[in-house]
Amino acid sequence: MEKNMEAVRELMAAAKHLDEKGILNAIEGNVSLKRDGLIYVTPSGKNKAFLTEDMIAVVDEDGNQLAGSCKPTSELKLHLHVYKTRKDVGGVVHAHPTCLAAHAICGLPVRTKAYAELMTVYGSFEVAPYGRPGTDDIWKGIGPLLQKSDVILLENHGALAVGPSVLQAMNHMEAAEAIARVVTTAKLIGREKELPEEECRALLSMQEKNQKESIS
């Protein structure tokens, strides 16, 4: 089949940007986008800094490979499940950035009552139950959490970000790691100066409303 080269270049741009930011590395992390009913996804075992157009795999919604010189990421099942679960999603980023991955390894969500940006955009970064990487188990606990936020943690594993496009999913992952660093650093410095409960409820209500509208 003939690839949509615009989709290929968009995917490569997102993957290389995340690599430059240190969010993806030589062996960890994968990126995909959905275009015209097909999934374009980064290859397994390839450094994202050196991707070429022919390496990008194209699969159908059942995971059958249609194009690409390399096999798709071993986490393809995770990506496919997200697209089936959230019809509004056009891009997925799975990565192991330091702060988010550390929280995932500890099984600890990223929550705060002191940082408005986290509450209004994501609410919190909650932790989905552990599932073995590369198997169907990895996605079985993510459904309910993905309805509430575009960024979640995968217990003992890493993080997952979704968006209407791969560039938006990229932005979510990059922003989430930065936010997690701020919240974690604040807790290390000392006690957070929490916002009033009424303000917290208002901020979280805004996030919930925006999330419902985005996936409806």
N, C-alpha and C. Protein backbone atom coordinates (compact mmCIF):
# COMPACT_ATOMS: atom_id res chain seq x y z
N MET A 1 0.83 -1.20 0.00
CA MET A 1 0.00 0.00 0.00
C MET A 1 0.87 1.26 0.00
N GLU A 2 0.29 2.36 -0.45
CA GLU A 2 1.01 3.62 -0.46
C GLU A 2 0.75 4.38 0.84
N LYS A 3 1.81 4.74 1.52
CA LYS A 3 1.67 5.47 2.78
C LYS A 3 1.21 6.90 2.55
N ASN A 4 0.50 7.44 3.54
CA ASN A 4 0.21 8.87 3.58
C ASN A 4 1.47 9.54 4.14
N MET A 5 2.24 10.17 3.28
CA MET A 5 3.53 10.69 3.70
C MET A 5 3.40 11.87 4.66
N GLU A 6 2.30 12.59 4.58
CA GLU A 6 2.07 13.66 5.56
C GLU A 6 1.96 13.07 6.96
N ALA A 7 1.25 11.94 7.07
CA ALA A 7 1.11 11.27 8.36
C ALA A 7 2.46 10.74 8.84
N VAL A 8 3.24 10.18 7.93
CA VAL A 8 4.56 9.65 8.28
C VAL A 8 5.45 10.76 8.83
N ARG A 9 5.48 11.88 8.13
CA ARG A 9 6.35 12.99 8.57
C ARG A 9 5.87 13.59 9.89
N GLU A 10 4.57 13.66 10.08
CA GLU A 10 4.03 14.18 11.34
C GLU A 10 4.42 13.28 12.51
N LEU A 11 4.31 11.98 12.29
CA LEU A 11 4.68 11.02 13.33
C LEU A 11 6.17 11.11 13.65
N MET A 12 6.99 11.18 12.63
CA MET A 12 8.43 11.28 12.84
C MET A 12 8.80 12.57 13.57
N ALA A 13 8.14 13.66 13.24
CA ALA A 13 8.43 14.93 13.90
C ALA A 13 8.12 14.85 15.38
N ALA A 14 6.98 14.24 15.73
CA ALA A 14 6.61 14.10 17.14
C ALA A 14 7.60 13.20 17.88
N ALA A 15 7.96 12.08 17.27
CA ALA A 15 8.88 11.14 17.91
C ALA A 15 10.25 11.77 18.12
N LYS A 16 10.75 12.47 17.12
CA LYS A 16 12.07 13.08 17.24
C LYS A 16 12.08 14.23 18.25
N HIS A 17 10.98 14.98 18.31
CA HIS A 17 10.89 16.05 19.30
C HIS A 17 10.93 15.47 20.71
N LEU A 18 10.18 14.42 20.95
CA LEU A 18 10.16 13.79 22.28
C LEU A 18 11.52 13.18 22.61
N ASP A 19 12.21 12.67 21.61
CA ASP A 19 13.56 12.15 21.83
C ASP A 19 14.51 13.27 22.23
N GLU A 20 14.42 14.40 21.54
CA GLU A 20 15.28 15.54 21.86
C GLU A 20 15.02 16.06 23.27
N LYS A 21 13.79 15.94 23.74
CA LYS A 21 13.43 16.40 25.08
C LYS A 21 13.79 15.38 26.16
N GLY A 22 14.26 14.20 25.75
CA GLY A 22 14.61 13.17 26.72
C GLY A 22 13.41 12.42 27.25
N ILE A 23 12.27 12.56 26.59
CA ILE A 23 11.05 11.87 27.03
C ILE A 23 11.00 10.46 26.45
N LEU A 24 11.51 10.30 25.24
CA LEU A 24 11.76 8.98 24.67
C LEU A 24 13.26 8.73 24.71
N ASN A 25 13.64 7.47 24.71
CA ASN A 25 15.08 7.16 24.63
C ASN A 25 15.31 6.05 23.62
N ALA A 26 16.52 5.55 23.57
CA ALA A 26 16.90 4.61 22.51
C ALA A 26 16.05 3.35 22.50
N ILE A 27 15.58 2.89 23.65
CA ILE A 27 14.84 1.63 23.69
C ILE A 27 13.43 1.76 24.25
N GLU A 28 13.11 2.87 24.88
CA GLU A 28 11.81 3.00 25.54
C GLU A 28 10.93 4.05 24.85
N GLY A 29 9.65 3.73 24.77
CA GLY A 29 8.68 4.69 24.27
C GLY A 29 8.27 4.43 22.83
N ASN A 30 7.03 4.80 22.50
CA ASN A 30 6.50 4.60 21.17
C ASN A 30 5.39 5.61 20.90
N VAL A 31 5.18 5.89 19.63
CA VAL A 31 4.27 6.95 19.22
C VAL A 31 3.45 6.46 18.04
N SER A 32 2.18 6.86 17.99
CA SER A 32 1.34 6.48 16.85
C SER A 32 0.35 7.59 16.53
N LEU A 33 -0.19 7.51 15.32
CA LEU A 33 -1.30 8.38 14.95
C LEU A 33 -2.27 7.59 14.08
N LYS A 34 -3.51 8.05 14.08
CA LYS A 34 -4.55 7.41 13.27
C LYS A 34 -4.92 8.33 12.13
N ARG A 35 -4.93 7.79 10.91
CA ARG A 35 -5.26 8.60 9.74
C ARG A 35 -6.01 7.72 8.74
N ASP A 36 -7.21 8.13 8.37
CA ASP A 36 -8.02 7.41 7.37
C ASP A 36 -8.21 5.94 7.74
N GLY A 37 -8.45 5.69 9.03
CA GLY A 37 -8.73 4.34 9.49
C GLY A 37 -7.52 3.45 9.67
N LEU A 38 -6.32 3.99 9.42
CA LEU A 38 -5.09 3.21 9.58
C LEU A 38 -4.23 3.81 10.69
N ILE A 39 -3.40 2.97 11.30
CA ILE A 39 -2.53 3.39 12.38
C ILE A 39 -1.09 3.43 11.89
N TYR A 40 -0.47 4.60 12.02
CA TYR A 40 0.95 4.78 11.70
C TYR A 40 1.70 4.77 13.03
N VAL A 41 2.70 3.91 13.16
CA VAL A 41 3.32 3.69 14.46
C VAL A 41 4.84 3.53 14.33
N THR A 42 5.55 3.97 15.36
CA THR A 42 7.00 3.84 15.37
C THR A 42 7.41 2.37 15.46
N PRO A 43 8.58 2.03 14.92
CA PRO A 43 9.01 0.64 14.88
C PRO A 43 9.59 0.15 16.21
N SER A 44 9.67 -1.14 16.32
CA SER A 44 10.23 -1.77 17.51
C SER A 44 11.76 -1.71 17.48
N GLY A 45 12.35 -1.32 18.62
CA GLY A 45 13.79 -1.41 18.78
C GLY A 45 14.63 -0.42 18.02
N LYS A 46 14.02 0.66 17.54
CA LYS A 46 14.76 1.66 16.77
C LYS A 46 14.86 2.97 17.55
N ASN A 47 16.04 3.58 17.50
CA ASN A 47 16.24 4.87 18.15
C ASN A 47 15.43 5.93 17.41
N LYS A 48 14.59 6.66 18.16
CA LYS A 48 13.68 7.62 17.52
C LYS A 48 14.41 8.79 16.86
N ALA A 49 15.66 9.03 17.26
CA ALA A 49 16.42 10.12 16.66
C ALA A 49 16.84 9.81 15.23
N PHE A 50 16.82 8.54 14.86
CA PHE A 50 17.33 8.14 13.55
C PHE A 50 16.27 7.43 12.70
N LEU A 51 15.02 7.73 12.95
CA LEU A 51 13.95 7.13 12.16
C LEU A 51 14.01 7.62 10.71
N THR A 52 13.67 6.73 9.80
CA THR A 52 13.51 7.11 8.40
C THR A 52 12.08 6.77 7.98
N GLU A 53 11.65 7.36 6.90
CA GLU A 53 10.25 7.21 6.48
C GLU A 53 9.87 5.75 6.25
N ASP A 54 10.77 4.96 5.72
CA ASP A 54 10.45 3.56 5.43
C ASP A 54 10.26 2.73 6.69
N MET A 55 10.84 3.18 7.82
CA MET A 55 10.74 2.43 9.08
C MET A 55 9.34 2.49 9.70
N ILE A 56 8.58 3.53 9.39
CA ILE A 56 7.28 3.71 10.01
C ILE A 56 6.33 2.61 9.54
N ALA A 57 5.78 1.88 10.50
CA ALA A 57 4.86 0.79 10.19
C ALA A 57 3.44 1.33 10.06
N VAL A 58 2.68 0.72 9.17
CA VAL A 58 1.26 1.04 9.02
C VAL A 58 0.48 -0.24 9.26
N VAL A 59 -0.50 -0.17 10.16
CA VAL A 59 -1.32 -1.35 10.48
C VAL A 59 -2.78 -0.97 10.38
N ASP A 60 -3.63 -1.99 10.22
CA ASP A 60 -5.07 -1.72 10.27
C ASP A 60 -5.53 -1.76 11.72
N GLU A 61 -6.81 -1.57 11.95
CA GLU A 61 -7.32 -1.47 13.32
C GLU A 61 -7.23 -2.78 14.09
N ASP A 62 -6.94 -3.87 13.40
CA ASP A 62 -6.74 -5.16 14.07
C ASP A 62 -5.26 -5.49 14.26
N GLY A 63 -4.39 -4.59 13.82
CA GLY A 63 -2.96 -4.78 14.03
C GLY A 63 -2.24 -5.48 12.90
N ASN A 64 -2.91 -5.74 11.79
CA ASN A 64 -2.25 -6.38 10.65
C ASN A 64 -1.36 -5.36 9.93
N GLN A 65 -0.08 -5.69 9.76
CA GLN A 65 0.84 -4.74 9.14
C GLN A 65 0.63 -4.69 7.63
N LEU A 66 0.49 -3.46 7.12
CA LEU A 66 0.23 -3.23 5.71
C LEU A 66 1.41 -2.61 4.98
N ALA A 67 2.28 -1.93 5.74
CA ALA A 67 3.42 -1.25 5.11
C ALA A 67 4.48 -1.00 6.17
N GLY A 68 5.70 -0.68 5.69
CA GLY A 68 6.81 -0.39 6.59
C GLY A 68 7.86 -1.47 6.56
N SER A 69 9.12 -1.06 6.57
CA SER A 69 10.22 -2.02 6.51
C SER A 69 10.54 -2.66 7.86
N CYS A 70 10.00 -2.09 8.94
CA CYS A 70 10.26 -2.60 10.29
C CYS A 70 8.95 -3.03 10.94
N LYS A 71 9.04 -3.96 11.87
CA LYS A 71 7.84 -4.36 12.58
C LYS A 71 7.45 -3.27 13.57
N PRO A 72 6.15 -3.13 13.86
CA PRO A 72 5.70 -2.08 14.77
C PRO A 72 6.12 -2.35 16.21
N THR A 73 6.03 -1.32 17.03
CA THR A 73 6.36 -1.42 18.44
C THR A 73 5.69 -2.62 19.11
N SER A 74 6.37 -3.17 20.10
CA SER A 74 5.81 -4.29 20.85
C SER A 74 4.60 -3.88 21.68
N GLU A 75 4.40 -2.56 21.84
CA GLU A 75 3.25 -2.06 22.60
C GLU A 75 2.09 -1.70 21.68
N LEU A 76 2.06 -2.28 20.48
CA LEU A 76 1.00 -1.96 19.53
C LEU A 76 -0.39 -2.23 20.11
N LYS A 77 -0.54 -3.30 20.88
CA LYS A 77 -1.85 -3.62 21.45
C LYS A 77 -2.39 -2.49 22.32
N LEU A 78 -1.50 -1.83 23.03
CA LEU A 78 -1.90 -0.70 23.87
C LEU A 78 -2.46 0.42 22.99
N HIS A 79 -1.77 0.74 21.93
CA HIS A 79 -2.21 1.81 21.03
C HIS A 79 -3.55 1.46 20.39
N LEU A 80 -3.68 0.24 19.90
CA LEU A 80 -4.92 -0.17 19.25
C LEU A 80 -6.10 -0.08 20.20
N HIS A 81 -5.88 -0.49 21.44
CA HIS A 81 -6.97 -0.44 22.42
C HIS A 81 -7.40 1.00 22.69
N VAL A 82 -6.45 1.91 22.77
CA VAL A 82 -6.80 3.32 23.00
C VAL A 82 -7.69 3.83 21.89
N TYR A 83 -7.34 3.55 20.65
CA TYR A 83 -8.14 4.03 19.52
C TYR A 83 -9.55 3.43 19.52
N LYS A 84 -9.67 2.20 20.00
CA LYS A 84 -10.99 1.57 20.07
C LYS A 84 -11.81 2.12 21.24
N THR A 85 -11.11 2.50 22.32
CA THR A 85 -11.78 2.98 23.53
C THR A 85 -12.19 4.44 23.41
N ARG A 86 -11.34 5.27 22.82
CA ARG A 86 -11.58 6.71 22.69
C ARG A 86 -11.62 7.08 21.21
N LYS A 87 -12.82 7.18 20.67
CA LYS A 87 -12.98 7.47 19.24
C LYS A 87 -12.49 8.86 18.87
N ASP A 88 -12.35 9.75 19.86
CA ASP A 88 -11.88 11.11 19.58
C ASP A 88 -10.37 11.19 19.44
N VAL A 89 -9.66 10.13 19.79
CA VAL A 89 -8.20 10.15 19.81
C VAL A 89 -7.62 9.94 18.41
N GLY A 90 -6.66 10.79 18.06
CA GLY A 90 -5.97 10.67 16.78
C GLY A 90 -4.48 10.45 16.94
N GLY A 91 -3.99 10.48 18.20
CA GLY A 91 -2.57 10.28 18.44
C GLY A 91 -2.32 9.74 19.84
N VAL A 92 -1.32 8.88 19.97
CA VAL A 92 -0.99 8.24 21.25
C VAL A 92 0.52 8.30 21.46
N VAL A 93 0.92 8.65 22.67
CA VAL A 93 2.34 8.61 23.06
C VAL A 93 2.46 7.77 24.33
N HIS A 94 3.29 6.75 24.27
CA HIS A 94 3.63 5.96 25.47
C HIS A 94 5.11 6.19 25.73
N ALA A 95 5.44 6.63 26.94
CA ALA A 95 6.84 6.97 27.24
C ALA A 95 7.16 6.70 28.70
N HIS A 96 8.45 6.84 29.02
CA HIS A 96 8.93 6.60 30.37
C HIS A 96 9.74 7.81 30.86
N PRO A 97 9.17 9.02 30.79
CA PRO A 97 9.92 10.18 31.28
C PRO A 97 10.17 10.06 32.78
N THR A 98 11.27 10.61 33.23
CA THR A 98 11.80 10.33 34.57
C THR A 98 10.79 10.48 35.70
N CYS A 99 10.17 11.63 35.81
CA CYS A 99 9.31 11.88 36.96
C CYS A 99 8.01 11.08 36.89
N LEU A 100 7.38 11.07 35.74
CA LEU A 100 6.15 10.29 35.60
C LEU A 100 6.42 8.80 35.78
N ALA A 101 7.50 8.30 35.20
CA ALA A 101 7.83 6.88 35.34
C ALA A 101 8.16 6.53 36.78
N ALA A 102 8.82 7.43 37.49
CA ALA A 102 9.14 7.18 38.90
C ALA A 102 7.86 7.05 39.73
N HIS A 103 6.89 7.91 39.46
CA HIS A 103 5.60 7.78 40.15
C HIS A 103 4.92 6.46 39.79
N ALA A 104 5.00 6.07 38.52
CA ALA A 104 4.39 4.82 38.09
C ALA A 104 5.05 3.63 38.79
N ILE A 105 6.37 3.66 38.90
CA ILE A 105 7.10 2.58 39.56
C ILE A 105 6.71 2.47 41.03
N CYS A 106 6.46 3.62 41.64
CA CYS A 106 6.05 3.64 43.05
C CYS A 106 4.55 3.39 43.22
N GLY A 107 3.83 3.36 42.11
CA GLY A 107 2.38 3.19 42.19
C GLY A 107 1.67 4.38 42.80
N LEU A 108 2.27 5.56 42.65
CA LEU A 108 1.73 6.77 43.27
C LEU A 108 1.22 7.75 42.21
N PRO A 109 -0.05 8.15 42.29
CA PRO A 109 -0.56 9.16 41.36
C PRO A 109 0.08 10.52 41.63
N VAL A 110 0.01 11.39 40.65
CA VAL A 110 0.46 12.77 40.82
C VAL A 110 -0.78 13.61 41.10
N ARG A 111 -0.90 14.08 42.33
CA ARG A 111 -2.05 14.89 42.73
C ARG A 111 -1.57 16.11 43.51
N THR A 112 -2.36 17.15 43.46
CA THR A 112 -2.04 18.35 44.24
C THR A 112 -3.29 19.18 44.44
N LYS A 113 -3.27 19.98 45.49
CA LYS A 113 -4.29 21.01 45.70
C LYS A 113 -3.64 22.39 45.65
N ALA A 114 -2.42 22.42 45.13
CA ALA A 114 -1.66 23.67 45.14
C ALA A 114 -1.29 24.18 43.76
N TYR A 115 -1.47 23.37 42.72
CA TYR A 115 -1.02 23.75 41.38
C TYR A 115 -2.22 23.76 40.44
N ALA A 116 -2.69 24.96 40.12
CA ALA A 116 -3.91 25.11 39.33
C ALA A 116 -3.79 24.47 37.95
N GLU A 117 -2.61 24.52 37.35
CA GLU A 117 -2.44 24.00 36.00
C GLU A 117 -2.74 22.51 35.92
N LEU A 118 -2.29 21.76 36.90
CA LEU A 118 -2.59 20.33 36.90
C LEU A 118 -4.08 20.09 37.05
N MET A 119 -4.69 20.78 37.98
CA MET A 119 -6.11 20.54 38.26
C MET A 119 -7.01 20.93 37.10
N THR A 120 -6.73 22.06 36.44
CA THR A 120 -7.62 22.53 35.39
C THR A 120 -7.44 21.79 34.07
N VAL A 121 -6.24 21.30 33.79
CA VAL A 121 -5.99 20.65 32.50
C VAL A 121 -6.16 19.14 32.58
N TYR A 122 -5.67 18.52 33.64
CA TYR A 122 -5.68 17.06 33.74
C TYR A 122 -6.40 16.52 34.98
N GLY A 123 -6.64 17.34 35.97
CA GLY A 123 -7.20 16.85 37.22
C GLY A 123 -6.10 16.27 38.08
N SER A 124 -5.61 15.14 37.65
CA SER A 124 -4.47 14.47 38.30
C SER A 124 -3.95 13.42 37.32
N PHE A 125 -2.82 12.83 37.64
CA PHE A 125 -2.30 11.73 36.83
C PHE A 125 -2.47 10.46 37.66
N GLU A 126 -3.51 9.70 37.35
CA GLU A 126 -3.83 8.51 38.12
C GLU A 126 -3.10 7.28 37.58
N VAL A 127 -3.05 6.23 38.38
CA VAL A 127 -2.26 5.04 38.05
C VAL A 127 -3.17 3.87 37.68
N ALA A 128 -3.01 3.36 36.47
CA ALA A 128 -3.74 2.16 36.05
C ALA A 128 -3.04 0.92 36.59
N PRO A 129 -3.78 -0.13 36.92
CA PRO A 129 -3.18 -1.35 37.46
C PRO A 129 -2.14 -1.95 36.52
N TYR A 130 -1.16 -2.60 37.08
CA TYR A 130 -0.07 -3.19 36.29
C TYR A 130 -0.60 -4.23 35.30
N GLY A 131 -0.05 -4.19 34.11
CA GLY A 131 -0.28 -5.22 33.10
C GLY A 131 1.04 -5.49 32.40
N ARG A 132 1.32 -6.73 32.12
CA ARG A 132 2.62 -7.07 31.52
C ARG A 132 2.79 -6.38 30.16
N PRO A 133 3.91 -5.67 29.97
CA PRO A 133 4.16 -4.98 28.70
C PRO A 133 4.09 -5.93 27.51
N GLY A 134 3.52 -5.44 26.42
CA GLY A 134 3.45 -6.21 25.19
C GLY A 134 2.34 -7.24 25.13
N THR A 135 1.52 -7.33 26.20
CA THR A 135 0.42 -8.29 26.23
C THR A 135 -0.91 -7.55 26.36
N ASP A 136 -2.00 -8.30 26.23
CA ASP A 136 -3.32 -7.70 26.40
C ASP A 136 -3.54 -7.17 27.80
N ASP A 137 -2.79 -7.69 28.77
CA ASP A 137 -2.97 -7.25 30.15
C ASP A 137 -2.63 -5.78 30.35
N ILE A 138 -1.78 -5.23 29.50
CA ILE A 138 -1.32 -3.87 29.72
C ILE A 138 -2.44 -2.85 29.61
N TRP A 139 -3.47 -3.14 28.82
CA TRP A 139 -4.51 -2.14 28.61
C TRP A 139 -5.80 -2.40 29.39
N LYS A 140 -5.90 -3.51 30.09
CA LYS A 140 -7.19 -3.88 30.68
C LYS A 140 -7.67 -2.95 31.78
N GLY A 141 -6.76 -2.20 32.40
CA GLY A 141 -7.20 -1.31 33.48
C GLY A 141 -7.24 0.16 33.12
N ILE A 142 -6.99 0.49 31.84
CA ILE A 142 -6.84 1.91 31.51
C ILE A 142 -8.13 2.60 31.11
N GLY A 143 -9.13 1.84 30.69
CA GLY A 143 -10.35 2.42 30.14
C GLY A 143 -11.01 3.50 30.99
N PRO A 144 -11.36 3.19 32.24
CA PRO A 144 -12.03 4.19 33.08
C PRO A 144 -11.18 5.44 33.31
N LEU A 145 -9.88 5.27 33.46
CA LEU A 145 -9.01 6.43 33.72
C LEU A 145 -8.89 7.32 32.48
N LEU A 146 -8.87 6.70 31.30
CA LEU A 146 -8.74 7.49 30.07
C LEU A 146 -9.99 8.30 29.76
N GLN A 147 -11.10 7.94 30.37
CA GLN A 147 -12.30 8.75 30.20
C GLN A 147 -12.20 10.04 31.00
N LYS A 148 -11.34 10.06 32.01
CA LYS A 148 -11.26 11.20 32.93
C LYS A 148 -10.08 12.13 32.65
N SER A 149 -9.07 11.63 31.95
CA SER A 149 -7.88 12.45 31.70
C SER A 149 -7.16 11.95 30.45
N ASP A 150 -6.45 12.85 29.79
CA ASP A 150 -5.70 12.49 28.60
C ASP A 150 -4.29 12.02 28.92
N VAL A 151 -3.93 12.00 30.20
CA VAL A 151 -2.63 11.48 30.63
C VAL A 151 -2.84 10.58 31.83
N ILE A 152 -2.35 9.35 31.76
CA ILE A 152 -2.42 8.44 32.89
C ILE A 152 -1.07 7.75 33.07
N LEU A 153 -0.89 7.14 34.24
CA LEU A 153 0.31 6.37 34.53
C LEU A 153 0.00 4.88 34.45
N LEU A 154 0.96 4.10 34.04
CA LEU A 154 0.84 2.65 33.97
C LEU A 154 1.73 2.07 35.06
N GLU A 155 1.12 1.43 36.03
CA GLU A 155 1.83 0.97 37.22
C GLU A 155 3.06 0.13 36.87
N ASN A 156 4.18 0.43 37.55
CA ASN A 156 5.44 -0.28 37.35
C ASN A 156 5.91 -0.24 35.89
N HIS A 157 5.54 0.83 35.18
CA HIS A 157 5.87 0.86 33.76
C HIS A 157 6.20 2.28 33.29
N GLY A 158 5.20 3.10 33.01
CA GLY A 158 5.47 4.41 32.45
C GLY A 158 4.23 5.27 32.37
N ALA A 159 4.11 6.04 31.30
CA ALA A 159 2.99 6.97 31.15
C ALA A 159 2.38 6.85 29.77
N LEU A 160 1.13 7.31 29.67
CA LEU A 160 0.38 7.26 28.42
C LEU A 160 -0.33 8.59 28.23
N ALA A 161 -0.16 9.18 27.05
CA ALA A 161 -0.84 10.44 26.73
C ALA A 161 -1.56 10.28 25.40
N VAL A 162 -2.76 10.87 25.32
CA VAL A 162 -3.54 10.79 24.09
C VAL A 162 -4.02 12.18 23.71
N GLY A 163 -4.41 12.33 22.45
CA GLY A 163 -4.92 13.62 21.99
C GLY A 163 -5.61 13.47 20.66
N PRO A 164 -6.29 14.52 20.19
CA PRO A 164 -6.95 14.47 18.89
C PRO A 164 -5.97 14.34 17.73
N SER A 165 -4.72 14.66 17.97
CA SER A 165 -3.65 14.49 16.98
C SER A 165 -2.41 13.99 17.70
N VAL A 166 -1.45 13.49 16.94
CA VAL A 166 -0.22 13.03 17.58
C VAL A 166 0.56 14.20 18.16
N LEU A 167 0.46 15.37 17.55
CA LEU A 167 1.16 16.53 18.09
C LEU A 167 0.55 16.96 19.42
N GLN A 168 -0.77 16.83 19.55
CA GLN A 168 -1.40 17.17 20.83
C GLN A 168 -1.05 16.14 21.89
N ALA A 169 -1.01 14.87 21.52
CA ALA A 169 -0.57 13.83 22.47
C ALA A 169 0.86 14.09 22.91
N MET A 170 1.70 14.49 21.97
CA MET A 170 3.09 14.86 22.28
C MET A 170 3.12 16.00 23.29
N ASN A 171 2.30 17.03 23.04
CA ASN A 171 2.25 18.17 23.95
C ASN A 171 1.80 17.76 25.34
N HIS A 172 0.81 16.86 25.40
CA HIS A 172 0.32 16.39 26.70
C HIS A 172 1.42 15.68 27.48
N MET A 173 2.18 14.82 26.81
CA MET A 173 3.23 14.08 27.51
C MET A 173 4.32 15.03 27.99
N GLU A 174 4.70 15.96 27.15
CA GLU A 174 5.74 16.92 27.52
C GLU A 174 5.29 17.78 28.69
N ALA A 175 4.05 18.28 28.62
CA ALA A 175 3.52 19.12 29.70
C ALA A 175 3.36 18.33 30.99
N ALA A 176 2.89 17.09 30.87
CA ALA A 176 2.67 16.26 32.06
C ALA A 176 3.96 16.01 32.82
N GLU A 177 5.04 15.73 32.09
CA GLU A 177 6.32 15.51 32.76
C GLU A 177 6.79 16.78 33.46
N ALA A 178 6.62 17.93 32.82
CA ALA A 178 7.02 19.20 33.44
C ALA A 178 6.19 19.48 34.69
N ILE A 179 4.89 19.25 34.61
CA ILE A 179 4.00 19.47 35.75
C ILE A 179 4.36 18.52 36.89
N ALA A 180 4.61 17.26 36.57
CA ALA A 180 4.97 16.29 37.60
C ALA A 180 6.26 16.68 38.31
N ARG A 181 7.20 17.23 37.58
CA ARG A 181 8.46 17.69 38.19
C ARG A 181 8.20 18.84 39.16
N VAL A 182 7.33 19.77 38.77
CA VAL A 182 7.02 20.90 39.65
C VAL A 182 6.36 20.41 40.93
N VAL A 183 5.35 19.57 40.79
CA VAL A 183 4.62 19.07 41.97
C VAL A 183 5.55 18.28 42.88
N THR A 184 6.37 17.42 42.30
CA THR A 184 7.29 16.60 43.09
C THR A 184 8.33 17.45 43.79
N THR A 185 8.86 18.44 43.08
CA THR A 185 9.85 19.34 43.68
C THR A 185 9.25 20.14 44.82
N ALA A 186 8.02 20.60 44.64
CA ALA A 186 7.35 21.36 45.70
C ALA A 186 7.19 20.52 46.97
N LYS A 187 6.85 19.25 46.79
CA LYS A 187 6.69 18.37 47.95
C LYS A 187 8.03 18.12 48.64
N LEU A 188 9.12 18.09 47.86
CA LEU A 188 10.45 17.90 48.45
C LEU A 188 10.91 19.14 49.21
N ILE A 189 10.54 20.32 48.70
CA ILE A 189 10.93 21.56 49.37
C ILE A 189 10.25 21.69 50.72
N GLY A 190 9.00 21.31 50.76
CA GLY A 190 8.26 21.43 52.02
C GLY A 190 6.77 21.26 51.80
N ARG A 191 5.99 21.73 52.72
CA ARG A 191 4.54 21.59 52.63
C ARG A 191 3.99 22.53 51.56
N GLU A 192 3.17 21.98 50.67
CA GLU A 192 2.55 22.80 49.63
C GLU A 192 1.57 23.81 50.26
N LYS A 193 1.49 24.98 49.68
CA LYS A 193 0.49 25.96 50.10
C LYS A 193 -0.78 25.68 49.31
N GLU A 194 -1.66 24.91 49.90
CA GLU A 194 -2.85 24.45 49.19
C GLU A 194 -3.85 25.58 48.96
N LEU A 195 -4.52 25.49 47.83
CA LEU A 195 -5.60 26.42 47.52
C LEU A 195 -6.82 26.08 48.37
N PRO A 196 -7.71 27.03 48.59
CA PRO A 196 -8.93 26.74 49.36
C PRO A 196 -9.74 25.62 48.70
N GLU A 197 -10.45 24.86 49.51
CA GLU A 197 -11.22 23.72 49.00
C GLU A 197 -12.21 24.15 47.93
N GLU A 198 -12.84 25.28 48.13
CA GLU A 198 -13.82 25.77 47.16
C GLU A 198 -13.17 26.02 45.80
N GLU A 199 -11.96 26.59 45.83
CA GLU A 199 -11.24 26.84 44.58
C GLU A 199 -10.82 25.53 43.92
N CYS A 200 -10.38 24.57 44.71
CA CYS A 200 -10.00 23.27 44.17
C CYS A 200 -11.18 22.60 43.48
N ARG A 201 -12.34 22.65 44.13
CA ARG A 201 -13.54 22.05 43.53
C ARG A 201 -13.88 22.73 42.20
N ALA A 202 -13.74 24.05 42.16
CA ALA A 202 -14.05 24.80 40.94
C ALA A 202 -13.08 24.42 39.81
N LEU A 203 -11.80 24.31 40.13
CA LEU A 203 -10.80 23.97 39.12
C LEU A 203 -11.01 22.55 38.59
N LEU A 204 -11.27 21.62 39.49
CA LEU A 204 -11.49 20.23 39.08
C LEU A 204 -12.78 20.08 38.29
N SER A 205 -13.77 20.89 38.63
CA SER A 205 -15.03 20.88 37.89
C SER A 205 -14.82 21.36 36.45
N MET A 206 -13.97 22.36 36.28
CA MET A 206 -13.63 22.85 34.95
C MET A 206 -12.98 21.75 34.12
N GLN A 207 -12.04 21.03 34.73
CA GLN A 207 -11.36 19.96 34.02
C GLN A 207 -12.33 18.85 33.63
N GLU A 208 -13.21 18.47 34.54
CA GLU A 208 -14.17 17.41 34.27
C GLU A 208 -15.11 17.80 33.12
N LYS A 209 -15.56 19.03 33.13
CA LYS A 209 -16.45 19.52 32.07
C LYS A 209 -15.73 19.52 30.72
N ASN A 210 -14.52 20.04 30.69
CA ASN A 210 -13.76 20.08 29.44
C ASN A 210 -13.46 18.69 28.91
N GLN A 211 -13.16 17.76 29.82
CA GLN A 211 -12.85 16.39 29.41
C GLN A 211 -14.07 15.72 28.79
N LYS A 212 -15.22 15.89 29.42
CA LYS A 212 -16.44 15.28 28.89
C LYS A 212 -16.78 15.83 27.51
N GLU A 213 -16.57 17.13 27.34
CA GLU A 213 -16.86 17.75 26.05
C GLU A 213 -15.91 17.27 24.97
N SER A 214 -14.66 17.02 25.34
CA SER A 214 -13.66 16.63 24.34
C SER A 214 -13.87 15.21 23.84
N ILE A 215 -14.46 14.33 24.65
CA ILE A 215 -14.64 12.94 24.23
C ILE A 215 -16.06 12.63 23.80
N SER A 216 -16.95 13.61 23.88
CA SER A 216 -18.35 13.37 23.51
C SER A 216 -18.52 13.34 21.99
